[in-house]
Amino acid sequence: MYLTPDFPKRIGLIAGGTNYPVLLSKEAKKKNVDVYAVGIKGLTSKTVEEHVKEIIWIEFGELVPLIKFFKKNKIKYAIMAGNVKKADLFKDIKLDVLTHQILNDTNDKSDMNLLAVAANILKKSHVELIDARTFLEEYIPKKGCLTKNAPNSHEWEDIMFGWKLAKSISAFDVGLTVAVKDKVVLSIEAIEGTNEALKRAVKYGGDSFVVVKVARPNQDMRFELPVVGLETIKLLKQVKAKVMAIEAEKTLFFDIKEAIKVADKNKISIIAV
């Protein structure tokens, strides 16, 4: 879907948090593509070192060494994989001259706009950011019910209600995940992240609620995709949620086979819409 016969045999990786960069590096290696990675100290998993050709480690907020590393290794294309917790943006961080300039010159400091600005800086250095789904086709569900149990009509009403809400507010970098029960909003994901939002939902709605997770409107597929995985499903089991709806072809699903087995065992419906 994303690879072509003339796809480069070396690629850059800007690695954030979660297992996403590790998974991407493994899959690239299977396709005989060498990965030159830039890890962020204290955020990126050290495991990524085992699956890449070369790696450097930078502080969060540094762009200059990243660009120099890619230039040195003649990297023309790069992938941004893994997230940065929004809470980290409020900690004391070390900004190099280039990053500081970007922040000073940018009025709109939403996640997607800052990433787009960074992508343009890279492009000026002859490095093009490409689709973050590259190498990961089997982890990006297409439309359809992924589990044995499908949502019932009442649950579908909650899915559609939650979907409309999430799509309306997700452009503001909030609400990519919402929890709904009987068309009542139990929680909306903010800075705390998906897991904490779900834990909050169960306090107000009890069990059997519906979870909806969407991509931003006009999601730029180069940047931070919505992510779910086995741990998400285990949490749904813990809080006794009954349904999770995700956006088809725009959501990365870690450990998808094992996660679906757990969902089936616990009669949780997972639907890609």
C-alpha atoms as a PDB file:
ATOM      1  CA  MET A   1       0.000   0.000   0.000  1.00  0.00           C
ATOM      2  CA  TYR A   2       2.827   2.430   0.825  1.00  0.00           C
ATOM      3  CA  LEU A   3       5.900   0.716  -0.661  1.00  0.00           C
ATOM      4  CA  THR A   4       6.874   0.917  -4.313  1.00  0.00           C
ATOM      5  CA  PRO A   5       9.496  -1.036  -6.282  1.00  0.00           C
ATOM      6  CA  ASP A   6      11.838   1.953  -6.157  1.00  0.00           C
ATOM      7  CA  PHE A   7      11.398   2.465  -2.398  1.00  0.00           C
ATOM      8  CA  PRO A   8      14.725   3.578  -0.833  1.00  0.00           C
ATOM      9  CA  LYS A   9      16.874   0.996   0.929  1.00  0.00           C
ATOM     10  CA  ARG A  10      17.617   3.375   3.777  1.00  0.00           C
ATOM     11  CA  ILE A  11      15.235   5.528   5.736  1.00  0.00           C
ATOM     12  CA  GLY A  12      15.309   7.898   8.682  1.00  0.00           C
ATOM     13  CA  LEU A  13      13.226   7.345  11.802  1.00  0.00           C
ATOM     14  CA  ILE A  14      12.283  10.024  14.310  1.00  0.00           C
ATOM     15  CA  ALA A  15      11.343   7.838  17.269  1.00  0.00           C
ATOM     16  CA  GLY A  16       8.964   8.943  19.999  1.00  0.00           C
ATOM     17  CA  GLY A  17       7.380   6.961  22.812  1.00  0.00           C
ATOM     18  CA  THR A  18       5.439   3.665  22.879  1.00  0.00           C
ATOM     19  CA  ASN A  19       6.385   0.494  21.008  1.00  0.00           C
ATOM     20  CA  TYR A  20       5.546   2.091  17.661  1.00  0.00           C
ATOM     21  CA  PRO A  21       9.176   2.877  16.611  1.00  0.00           C
ATOM     22  CA  VAL A  22      10.298  -0.645  17.578  1.00  0.00           C
ATOM     23  CA  LEU A  23       7.518  -2.264  15.561  1.00  0.00           C
ATOM     24  CA  LEU A  24       8.211  -0.055  12.552  1.00  0.00           C
ATOM     25  CA  SER A  25      11.955  -0.807  12.697  1.00  0.00           C
ATOM     26  CA  LYS A  26      11.301  -4.555  12.821  1.00  0.00           C
ATOM     27  CA  GLU A  27       8.971  -4.424   9.839  1.00  0.00           C
ATOM     28  CA  ALA A  28      11.388  -2.254   7.822  1.00  0.00           C
ATOM     29  CA  LYS A  29      14.179  -4.725   8.555  1.00  0.00           C
ATOM     30  CA  LYS A  30      12.025  -7.587   7.198  1.00  0.00           C
ATOM     31  CA  LYS A  31      11.806  -5.653   3.934  1.00  0.00           C
ATOM     32  CA  ASN A  32      15.594  -5.145   3.825  1.00  0.00           C
ATOM     33  CA  VAL A  33      15.375  -1.418   4.496  1.00  0.00           C
ATOM     34  CA  ASP A  34      18.095   0.030   6.757  1.00  0.00           C
ATOM     35  CA  VAL A  35      16.776   2.357   9.463  1.00  0.00           C
ATOM     36  CA  TYR A  36      18.781   5.315  10.754  1.00  0.00           C
ATOM     37  CA  ALA A  37      17.032   6.377  13.940  1.00  0.00           C
ATOM     38  CA  VAL A  38      16.953   9.430  16.142  1.00  0.00           C
ATOM     39  CA  GLY A  39      15.830   8.574  19.669  1.00  0.00           C
ATOM     40  CA  ILE A  40      14.700  10.996  22.354  1.00  0.00           C
ATOM     41  CA  LYS A  41      16.381  10.527  25.723  1.00  0.00           C
ATOM     42  CA  GLY A  42      13.973   9.439  28.442  1.00  0.00           C
ATOM     43  CA  LEU A  43      11.168   8.826  25.968  1.00  0.00           C
ATOM     44  CA  THR A  44      12.168   6.401  23.199  1.00  0.00           C
ATOM     45  CA  SER A  45      12.515   2.733  24.128  1.00  0.00           C
ATOM     46  CA  LYS A  46      16.122   1.505  24.166  1.00  0.00           C
ATOM     47  CA  THR A  47      14.860  -1.647  22.436  1.00  0.00           C
ATOM     48  CA  VAL A  48      14.803   0.244  19.151  1.00  0.00           C
ATOM     49  CA  GLU A  49      18.625   0.038  19.094  1.00  0.00           C
ATOM     50  CA  GLU A  50      18.366  -3.705  18.393  1.00  0.00           C
ATOM     51  CA  HIS A  51      16.525  -3.216  15.107  1.00  0.00           C
ATOM     52  CA  VAL A  52      18.176  -0.228  13.426  1.00  0.00           C
ATOM     53  CA  LYS A  53      21.351   0.275  11.413  1.00  0.00           C
ATOM     54  CA  GLU A  54      22.461   3.290  13.422  1.00  0.00           C
ATOM     55  CA  ILE A  55      20.981   5.531  16.102  1.00  0.00           C
ATOM     56  CA  ILE A  56      21.750   8.792  17.860  1.00  0.00           C
ATOM     57  CA  TRP A  57      20.120  10.062  21.029  1.00  0.00           C
ATOM     58  CA  ILE A  58      19.006  13.670  21.410  1.00  0.00           C
ATOM     59  CA  GLU A  59      17.256  15.732  24.050  1.00  0.00           C
ATOM     60  CA  PHE A  60      13.595  16.527  23.553  1.00  0.00           C
ATOM     61  CA  GLY A  61      13.527  19.884  21.742  1.00  0.00           C
ATOM     62  CA  GLU A  62      16.663  19.451  19.606  1.00  0.00           C
ATOM     63  CA  LEU A  63      16.441  19.590  15.816  1.00  0.00           C
ATOM     64  CA  VAL A  64      19.954  20.546  14.718  1.00  0.00           C
ATOM     65  CA  PRO A  65      21.666  17.201  15.571  1.00  0.00           C
ATOM     66  CA  LEU A  66      18.756  15.334  13.949  1.00  0.00           C
ATOM     67  CA  ILE A  67      19.232  17.183  10.666  1.00  0.00           C
ATOM     68  CA  LYS A  68      23.008  16.722  10.770  1.00  0.00           C
ATOM     69  CA  PHE A  69      22.601  12.977  11.380  1.00  0.00           C
ATOM     70  CA  PHE A  70      20.252  12.561   8.426  1.00  0.00           C
ATOM     71  CA  LYS A  71      22.524  14.610   6.161  1.00  0.00           C
ATOM     72  CA  LYS A  72      25.557  12.546   7.185  1.00  0.00           C
ATOM     73  CA  ASN A  73      23.750   9.316   6.294  1.00  0.00           C
ATOM     74  CA  LYS A  74      22.235  10.675   3.058  1.00  0.00           C
ATOM     75  CA  ILE A  75      18.681  10.200   4.287  1.00  0.00           C
ATOM     76  CA  LYS A  76      16.110  11.530   1.814  1.00  0.00           C
ATOM     77  CA  TYR A  77      12.968  10.108   3.430  1.00  0.00           C
ATOM     78  CA  ALA A  78      12.043   9.788   7.098  1.00  0.00           C
ATOM     79  CA  ILE A  79       9.158   8.522   9.198  1.00  0.00           C
ATOM     80  CA  MET A  80       7.940  10.017  12.462  1.00  0.00           C
ATOM     81  CA  ALA A  81       6.737   7.220  14.760  1.00  0.00           C
ATOM     82  CA  GLY A  82       5.665   7.258  18.391  1.00  0.00           C
ATOM     83  CA  ASN A  83       4.094   9.948  20.482  1.00  0.00           C
ATOM     84  CA  VAL A  84       5.202  12.639  22.872  1.00  0.00           C
ATOM     85  CA  LYS A  85       3.016  12.966  25.948  1.00  0.00           C
ATOM     86  CA  LYS A  86       1.438  16.389  25.988  1.00  0.00           C
ATOM     87  CA  ALA A  87       2.263  16.684  29.681  1.00  0.00           C
ATOM     88  CA  ASP A  88       5.968  16.624  28.744  1.00  0.00           C
ATOM     89  CA  LEU A  89       5.506  19.879  26.849  1.00  0.00           C
ATOM     90  CA  PHE A  90       4.998  21.654  30.170  1.00  0.00           C
ATOM     91  CA  LYS A  91       8.226  20.385  31.712  1.00  0.00           C
ATOM     92  CA  ASP A  92      11.562  22.155  31.520  1.00  0.00           C
ATOM     93  CA  ILE A  93      13.010  21.124  28.166  1.00  0.00           C
ATOM     94  CA  LYS A  94      16.189  22.009  26.319  1.00  0.00           C
ATOM     95  CA  LEU A  95      15.476  23.839  23.059  1.00  0.00           C
ATOM     96  CA  ASP A  96      18.230  24.306  20.515  1.00  0.00           C
ATOM     97  CA  VAL A  97      18.403  27.518  18.469  1.00  0.00           C
ATOM     98  CA  LEU A  98      16.367  26.135  15.571  1.00  0.00           C
ATOM     99  CA  THR A  99      13.560  24.744  17.730  1.00  0.00           C
ATOM    100  CA  HIS A 100      13.411  27.934  19.784  1.00  0.00           C
ATOM    101  CA  GLN A 101      13.099  29.966  16.597  1.00  0.00           C
ATOM    102  CA  ILE A 102      10.276  27.737  15.325  1.00  0.00           C
ATOM    103  CA  LEU A 103       8.287  28.175  18.548  1.00  0.00           C
ATOM    104  CA  ASN A 104       8.825  31.932  18.575  1.00  0.00           C
ATOM    105  CA  ASP A 105       7.749  32.295  14.940  1.00  0.00           C
ATOM    106  CA  THR A 106       4.653  30.088  15.216  1.00  0.00           C
ATOM    107  CA  ASN A 107       1.386  31.520  16.489  1.00  0.00           C
ATOM    108  CA  ASP A 108      -0.597  28.285  16.183  1.00  0.00           C
ATOM    109  CA  LYS A 109       1.078  25.852  18.587  1.00  0.00           C
ATOM    110  CA  SER A 110      -1.362  22.981  18.108  1.00  0.00           C
ATOM    111  CA  ASP A 111       0.250  19.543  17.748  1.00  0.00           C
ATOM    112  CA  MET A 112      -0.434  19.196  14.040  1.00  0.00           C
ATOM    113  CA  ASN A 113       0.735  22.701  13.149  1.00  0.00           C
ATOM    114  CA  LEU A 114       4.020  22.374  15.053  1.00  0.00           C
ATOM    115  CA  LEU A 115       4.649  19.025  13.365  1.00  0.00           C
ATOM    116  CA  ALA A 116       3.883  20.543   9.964  1.00  0.00           C
ATOM    117  CA  VAL A 117       6.364  23.350  10.665  1.00  0.00           C
ATOM    118  CA  ALA A 118       9.016  20.792  11.666  1.00  0.00           C
ATOM    119  CA  ALA A 119       8.274  18.819   8.483  1.00  0.00           C
ATOM    120  CA  ASN A 120       8.866  21.956   6.403  1.00  0.00           C
ATOM    121  CA  ILE A 121      12.188  22.559   8.168  1.00  0.00           C
ATOM    122  CA  LEU A 122      13.229  19.000   7.287  1.00  0.00           C
ATOM    123  CA  LYS A 123      12.105  19.481   3.702  1.00  0.00           C
ATOM    124  CA  LYS A 124      14.369  22.525   3.409  1.00  0.00           C
ATOM    125  CA  SER A 125      17.176  20.166   4.443  1.00  0.00           C
ATOM    126  CA  HIS A 126      16.100  17.748   1.665  1.00  0.00           C
ATOM    127  CA  VAL A 127      14.493  15.233   4.014  1.00  0.00           C
ATOM    128  CA  GLU A 128      10.866  14.408   3.261  1.00  0.00           C
ATOM    129  CA  LEU A 129       8.568  12.996   5.937  1.00  0.00           C
ATOM    130  CA  ILE A 130       6.417  10.168   4.576  1.00  0.00           C
ATOM    131  CA  ASP A 131       3.283   8.287   5.624  1.00  0.00           C
ATOM    132  CA  ALA A 132       3.579   7.021   9.207  1.00  0.00           C
ATOM    133  CA  ARG A 133       1.791   3.789   8.200  1.00  0.00           C
ATOM    134  CA  THR A 134       4.666   2.731   5.937  1.00  0.00           C
ATOM    135  CA  PHE A 135       5.719  -0.908   6.639  1.00  0.00           C
ATOM    136  CA  LEU A 136       2.710  -1.392   8.940  1.00  0.00           C
ATOM    137  CA  GLU A 137      -0.148  -2.375   6.625  1.00  0.00           C
ATOM    138  CA  GLU A 138      -1.184  -5.419   8.676  1.00  0.00           C
ATOM    139  CA  TYR A 139      -1.558  -3.266  11.804  1.00  0.00           C
ATOM    140  CA  ILE A 140      -3.937  -0.751  10.181  1.00  0.00           C
ATOM    141  CA  PRO A 141      -7.482  -2.220  10.238  1.00  0.00           C
ATOM    142  CA  LYS A 142      -9.840  -1.667   7.327  1.00  0.00           C
ATOM    143  CA  LYS A 143     -13.583  -1.115   7.791  1.00  0.00           C
ATOM    144  CA  GLY A 144     -15.499  -3.903   9.461  1.00  0.00           C
ATOM    145  CA  CYS A 145     -16.072  -5.732  12.724  1.00  0.00           C
ATOM    146  CA  LEU A 146     -12.784  -7.169  14.002  1.00  0.00           C
ATOM    147  CA  THR A 147     -14.316  -9.394  16.686  1.00  0.00           C
ATOM    148  CA  LYS A 148     -16.856 -12.211  16.794  1.00  0.00           C
ATOM    149  CA  ASN A 149     -19.338  -9.984  18.618  1.00  0.00           C
ATOM    150  CA  ALA A 150     -20.710  -7.017  16.682  1.00  0.00           C
ATOM    151  CA  PRO A 151     -22.288  -3.965  18.361  1.00  0.00           C
ATOM    152  CA  ASN A 152     -26.055  -4.155  18.812  1.00  0.00           C
ATOM    153  CA  SER A 153     -28.411  -1.416  17.582  1.00  0.00           C
ATOM    154  CA  HIS A 154     -28.356   0.459  20.907  1.00  0.00           C
ATOM    155  CA  GLU A 155     -24.549   0.401  20.970  1.00  0.00           C
ATOM    156  CA  TRP A 156     -24.462   1.620  17.370  1.00  0.00           C
ATOM    157  CA  GLU A 157     -26.486   4.655  18.425  1.00  0.00           C
ATOM    158  CA  ASP A 158     -23.844   5.438  21.045  1.00  0.00           C
ATOM    159  CA  ILE A 159     -21.059   4.881  18.510  1.00  0.00           C
ATOM    160  CA  MET A 160     -22.605   7.368  16.088  1.00  0.00           C
ATOM    161  CA  PHE A 161     -23.251   9.869  18.871  1.00  0.00           C
ATOM    162  CA  GLY A 162     -19.671   9.582  20.142  1.00  0.00           C
ATOM    163  CA  TRP A 163     -18.250   9.664  16.620  1.00  0.00           C
ATOM    164  CA  LYS A 164     -19.962  12.939  15.753  1.00  0.00           C
ATOM    165  CA  LEU A 165     -18.782  14.493  19.024  1.00  0.00           C
ATOM    166  CA  ALA A 166     -15.190  13.293  18.688  1.00  0.00           C
ATOM    167  CA  LYS A 167     -14.923  14.475  15.087  1.00  0.00           C
ATOM    168  CA  SER A 168     -16.294  17.872  16.079  1.00  0.00           C
ATOM    169  CA  ILE A 169     -13.734  18.571  18.785  1.00  0.00           C
ATOM    170  CA  SER A 170     -10.674  16.560  17.721  1.00  0.00           C
ATOM    171  CA  ALA A 171      -9.491  19.387  15.474  1.00  0.00           C
ATOM    172  CA  PHE A 172      -8.555  21.158  18.725  1.00  0.00           C
ATOM    173  CA  ASP A 173      -6.192  18.324  19.787  1.00  0.00           C
ATOM    174  CA  VAL A 174      -8.671  17.142  22.385  1.00  0.00           C
ATOM    175  CA  GLY A 175     -11.327  14.456  22.386  1.00  0.00           C
ATOM    176  CA  LEU A 176      -9.751  11.914  20.068  1.00  0.00           C
ATOM    177  CA  THR A 177     -11.204   9.366  22.504  1.00  0.00           C
ATOM    178  CA  VAL A 178     -14.654   9.723  24.053  1.00  0.00           C
ATOM    179  CA  ALA A 179     -16.645   7.394  26.312  1.00  0.00           C
ATOM    180  CA  VAL A 180     -20.427   7.321  25.925  1.00  0.00           C
ATOM    181  CA  LYS A 181     -23.361   5.546  27.548  1.00  0.00           C
ATOM    182  CA  ASP A 182     -26.984   6.011  26.517  1.00  0.00           C
ATOM    183  CA  LYS A 183     -25.914   9.093  24.513  1.00  0.00           C
ATOM    184  CA  VAL A 184     -24.430  10.665  27.623  1.00  0.00           C
ATOM    185  CA  VAL A 185     -20.762  11.689  27.476  1.00  0.00           C
ATOM    186  CA  LEU A 186     -18.842  10.126  30.365  1.00  0.00           C
ATOM    187  CA  SER A 187     -15.365  11.400  29.520  1.00  0.00           C
ATOM    188  CA  ILE A 188     -13.426  13.198  26.816  1.00  0.00           C
ATOM    189  CA  GLU A 189      -9.712  12.575  26.395  1.00  0.00           C
ATOM    190  CA  ALA A 190      -7.560  15.597  27.149  1.00  0.00           C
ATOM    191  CA  ILE A 191      -3.953  15.883  28.300  1.00  0.00           C
ATOM    192  CA  GLU A 192      -4.182  12.751  30.473  1.00  0.00           C
ATOM    193  CA  GLY A 193      -4.395  10.344  27.512  1.00  0.00           C
ATOM    194  CA  THR A 194      -6.748   7.533  26.533  1.00  0.00           C
ATOM    195  CA  ASN A 195      -6.236   5.201  29.489  1.00  0.00           C
ATOM    196  CA  GLU A 196      -6.901   7.804  32.157  1.00  0.00           C
ATOM    197  CA  ALA A 197      -9.943   9.050  30.250  1.00  0.00           C
ATOM    198  CA  LEU A 198     -11.401   5.521  30.319  1.00  0.00           C
ATOM    199  CA  LYS A 199     -10.703   5.136  34.037  1.00  0.00           C
ATOM    200  CA  ARG A 200     -12.539   8.410  34.574  1.00  0.00           C
ATOM    201  CA  ALA A 201     -15.503   7.220  32.506  1.00  0.00           C
ATOM    202  CA  VAL A 202     -16.171   4.199  34.680  1.00  0.00           C
ATOM    203  CA  LYS A 203     -16.488   6.435  37.750  1.00  0.00           C
ATOM    204  CA  TYR A 204     -19.498   8.151  36.239  1.00  0.00           C
ATOM    205  CA  GLY A 205     -21.120   5.581  33.990  1.00  0.00           C
ATOM    206  CA  GLY A 206     -20.344   2.237  35.539  1.00  0.00           C
ATOM    207  CA  ASP A 207     -19.865  -0.664  33.145  1.00  0.00           C
ATOM    208  CA  SER A 208     -21.084  -1.420  29.606  1.00  0.00           C
ATOM    209  CA  PHE A 209     -20.148   1.906  28.029  1.00  0.00           C
ATOM    210  CA  VAL A 210     -18.949   2.556  24.481  1.00  0.00           C
ATOM    211  CA  VAL A 211     -15.525   3.921  23.550  1.00  0.00           C
ATOM    212  CA  VAL A 212     -14.934   5.829  20.308  1.00  0.00           C
ATOM    213  CA  LYS A 213     -11.447   6.719  19.072  1.00  0.00           C
ATOM    214  CA  VAL A 214     -10.962   8.836  15.941  1.00  0.00           C
ATOM    215  CA  ALA A 215      -8.266  10.550  13.942  1.00  0.00           C
ATOM    216  CA  ARG A 216      -8.266  14.309  13.616  1.00  0.00           C
ATOM    217  CA  PRO A 217     -10.279  15.798  10.753  1.00  0.00           C
ATOM    218  CA  ASN A 218      -8.048  15.880   7.670  1.00  0.00           C
ATOM    219  CA  GLN A 219      -5.475  13.826   9.589  1.00  0.00           C
ATOM    220  CA  ASP A 220      -1.995  14.308   8.121  1.00  0.00           C
ATOM    221  CA  MET A 221      -0.859  10.696   7.772  1.00  0.00           C
ATOM    222  CA  ARG A 222       2.760  11.696   8.363  1.00  0.00           C
ATOM    223  CA  PHE A 223       2.063  12.478  12.007  1.00  0.00           C
ATOM    224  CA  GLU A 224       0.981  10.759  15.229  1.00  0.00           C
ATOM    225  CA  LEU A 225      -1.763   8.313  14.336  1.00  0.00           C
ATOM    226  CA  PRO A 226      -4.342   7.184  16.895  1.00  0.00           C
ATOM    227  CA  VAL A 227      -2.979   4.050  18.593  1.00  0.00           C
ATOM    228  CA  VAL A 228      -4.685   1.160  20.390  1.00  0.00           C
ATOM    229  CA  GLY A 229      -3.386  -2.234  21.384  1.00  0.00           C
ATOM    230  CA  LEU A 230      -3.471  -5.178  23.737  1.00  0.00           C
ATOM    231  CA  GLU A 231      -3.139  -2.947  26.810  1.00  0.00           C
ATOM    232  CA  THR A 232      -6.129  -0.920  25.605  1.00  0.00           C
ATOM    233  CA  ILE A 233      -8.254  -4.058  25.361  1.00  0.00           C
ATOM    234  CA  LYS A 234      -7.111  -5.240  28.792  1.00  0.00           C
ATOM    235  CA  LEU A 235      -8.193  -1.880  30.181  1.00  0.00           C
ATOM    236  CA  LEU A 236     -11.579  -2.172  28.445  1.00  0.00           C
ATOM    237  CA  LYS A 237     -11.958  -5.527  30.176  1.00  0.00           C
ATOM    238  CA  GLN A 238     -10.975  -3.976  33.506  1.00  0.00           C
ATOM    239  CA  VAL A 239     -13.482  -1.125  33.277  1.00  0.00           C
ATOM    240  CA  LYS A 240     -16.101  -3.442  31.723  1.00  0.00           C
ATOM    241  CA  ALA A 241     -16.586  -1.409  28.563  1.00  0.00           C
ATOM    242  CA  LYS A 242     -18.466  -3.362  25.907  1.00  0.00           C
ATOM    243  CA  VAL A 243     -17.566  -1.697  22.616  1.00  0.00           C
ATOM    244  CA  MET A 244     -14.634   0.130  21.065  1.00  0.00           C
ATOM    245  CA  ALA A 245     -15.015   1.862  17.694  1.00  0.00           C
ATOM    246  CA  ILE A 246     -11.860   3.026  15.901  1.00  0.00           C
ATOM    247  CA  GLU A 247     -11.299   4.858  12.631  1.00  0.00           C
ATOM    248  CA  ALA A 248     -10.546   2.470   9.785  1.00  0.00           C
ATOM    249  CA  GLU A 249      -7.257   2.894   7.897  1.00  0.00           C
ATOM    250  CA  LYS A 250      -6.156   5.692  10.237  1.00  0.00           C
ATOM    251  CA  THR A 251      -5.569   3.775  13.487  1.00  0.00           C
ATOM    252  CA  LEU A 252      -2.497   1.770  14.414  1.00  0.00           C
ATOM    253  CA  PHE A 253      -3.438  -1.413  16.287  1.00  0.00           C
ATOM    254  CA  PHE A 254      -0.541  -2.961  18.249  1.00  0.00           C
ATOM    255  CA  ASP A 255      -0.606  -6.708  19.009  1.00  0.00           C
ATOM    256  CA  ILE A 256      -3.779  -6.877  16.973  1.00  0.00           C
ATOM    257  CA  LYS A 257      -4.170 -10.685  16.862  1.00  0.00           C
ATOM    258  CA  GLU A 258      -3.674 -11.172  20.592  1.00  0.00           C
ATOM    259  CA  ALA A 259      -5.840  -8.147  21.406  1.00  0.00           C
ATOM    260  CA  ILE A 260      -8.754  -9.507  19.371  1.00  0.00           C
ATOM    261  CA  LYS A 261      -8.450 -12.881  21.131  1.00  0.00           C
ATOM    262  CA  VAL A 262      -8.754 -11.129  24.503  1.00  0.00           C
ATOM    263  CA  ALA A 263     -11.707  -9.090  23.234  1.00  0.00           C
ATOM    264  CA  ASP A 264     -13.497 -12.187  21.944  1.00  0.00           C
ATOM    265  CA  LYS A 265     -12.922 -14.028  25.209  1.00  0.00           C
ATOM    266  CA  ASN A 266     -14.492 -11.144  27.128  1.00  0.00           C
ATOM    267  CA  LYS A 267     -17.282 -10.457  24.612  1.00  0.00           C
ATOM    268  CA  ILE A 268     -15.979  -6.982  23.771  1.00  0.00           C
ATOM    269  CA  SER A 269     -16.888  -5.676  20.320  1.00  0.00           C
ATOM    270  CA  ILE A 270     -14.224  -3.909  18.274  1.00  0.00           C
ATOM    271  CA  ILE A 271     -15.375  -2.183  15.119  1.00  0.00           C
ATOM    272  CA  ALA A 272     -13.391  -0.204  12.552  1.00  0.00           C
ATOM    273  CA  VAL A 273     -15.672   2.463  11.112  1.00  0.00           C
END
